[in-house]
């Protein structure tokens, strides 16, 4: 995140969660395998955060916005085919 963005956002942000690339890719795989959704990695970020930090959301109902299917086909299949 750039300095300008952070200067604007820091007053309105309560918490920031760090999500590893592997966790995001796992979310993209789950979206494809379980819901037949094609999502670009940033589109799977919210689900990746929810899975990686599930202890923060115990007993709460949450919504993950999944957006974006603008992902290179080779990149998408590389992610989906990983175990």
Protein backbone atom coordinates (compact mmCIF):
# COMPACT_ATOMS: atom_id res chain seq x y z
CA UNK A 1 0.00 0.00 0.00
CA UNK A 2 1.41 3.37 -0.95
CA UNK A 3 2.02 6.24 1.46
CA UNK A 4 -0.77 8.37 -0.01
CA UNK A 5 -3.32 5.57 0.23
CA UNK A 6 -2.31 4.79 3.79
CA UNK A 7 -2.54 8.46 4.80
CA UNK A 8 -6.12 8.54 3.55
CA UNK A 9 -7.22 5.14 4.84
CA UNK A 10 -5.56 4.86 8.24
CA UNK A 11 -8.22 6.92 10.04
CA UNK A 12 -11.03 4.68 8.82
CA UNK A 13 -9.38 1.28 9.17
CA UNK A 14 -9.86 -0.65 12.37
CA UNK A 15 -7.76 -3.74 11.56
CA UNK A 16 -5.58 -5.04 8.75
CA UNK A 17 -5.16 -8.75 8.12
CA UNK A 18 -2.14 -10.13 6.33
CA UNK A 19 -2.86 -12.97 3.92
CA UNK A 20 -0.12 -15.06 2.36
CA UNK A 21 -0.08 -15.74 -1.36
CA UNK A 22 -0.57 -19.47 -0.73
CA UNK A 23 -3.71 -18.73 1.31
CA UNK A 24 -5.13 -16.56 -1.47
CA UNK A 25 -4.41 -19.27 -4.03
CA UNK A 26 -6.09 -21.81 -1.77
CA UNK A 27 -9.18 -19.61 -1.67
CA UNK A 28 -9.18 -19.33 -5.48
CA UNK A 29 -9.00 -23.14 -5.69
CA UNK A 30 -11.86 -23.50 -3.20
CA UNK A 31 -14.02 -21.04 -5.10
CA UNK A 32 -13.44 -23.00 -8.30
CA UNK A 33 -13.77 -26.50 -6.85
CA UNK A 34 -16.69 -25.88 -4.49
CA UNK A 35 -18.68 -23.13 -6.23
CA UNK A 36 -17.51 -23.35 -9.86
CA UNK A 37 -16.38 -19.71 -9.72
CA UNK A 38 -13.45 -18.33 -11.67
CA UNK A 39 -11.85 -15.62 -9.58
CA UNK A 40 -8.65 -13.70 -9.98
CA UNK A 41 -6.37 -13.85 -6.92
CA UNK A 42 -7.44 -10.44 -5.60
CA UNK A 43 -11.04 -11.59 -5.98
CA UNK A 44 -10.28 -14.49 -3.63
CA UNK A 45 -8.50 -12.30 -1.10
CA UNK A 46 -11.47 -11.85 1.25
CA UNK A 47 -12.12 -15.59 1.44
CA UNK A 48 -8.40 -16.23 1.91
CA UNK A 49 -8.39 -13.81 4.85
CA UNK A 50 -11.51 -15.40 6.35
CA UNK A 51 -9.96 -18.87 6.15
CA UNK A 52 -6.49 -17.84 7.33
CA UNK A 53 -7.85 -15.82 10.26
CA UNK A 54 -10.93 -17.92 11.03
CA UNK A 55 -10.39 -17.60 14.78
CA UNK A 56 -11.27 -13.87 14.50
CA UNK A 57 -14.62 -14.72 12.97
CA UNK A 58 -15.73 -17.60 15.22
CA UNK A 59 -19.45 -17.37 15.91
CA UNK A 60 -19.93 -14.46 13.51
CA UNK A 61 -21.69 -14.32 10.21
CA UNK A 62 -19.47 -12.78 7.55
CA UNK A 63 -19.72 -11.93 3.88
CA UNK A 64 -16.84 -12.18 1.42
CA UNK A 65 -17.13 -10.18 -1.77
CA UNK A 66 -15.72 -12.22 -4.66
CA UNK A 67 -15.01 -10.21 -7.76
CA UNK A 68 -12.93 -10.27 -10.87
CA UNK A 69 -12.43 -13.00 -13.39
CA UNK A 70 -9.72 -11.10 -15.22
CA UNK A 71 -6.93 -13.60 -14.74
CA UNK A 72 -4.57 -15.08 -17.29
CA UNK A 73 -5.76 -18.58 -18.20
CA UNK A 74 -2.34 -20.15 -17.60
CA UNK A 75 -2.02 -18.48 -14.19
CA UNK A 76 -5.54 -19.56 -13.21
CA UNK A 77 -4.98 -23.20 -14.19
CA UNK A 78 -1.61 -23.26 -12.42
CA UNK A 79 -3.36 -22.13 -9.23
CA UNK A 80 -6.32 -24.51 -9.60
CA UNK A 81 -4.20 -27.55 -10.41
CA UNK A 82 -1.99 -27.20 -7.31
CA UNK A 83 -2.66 -29.53 -4.41
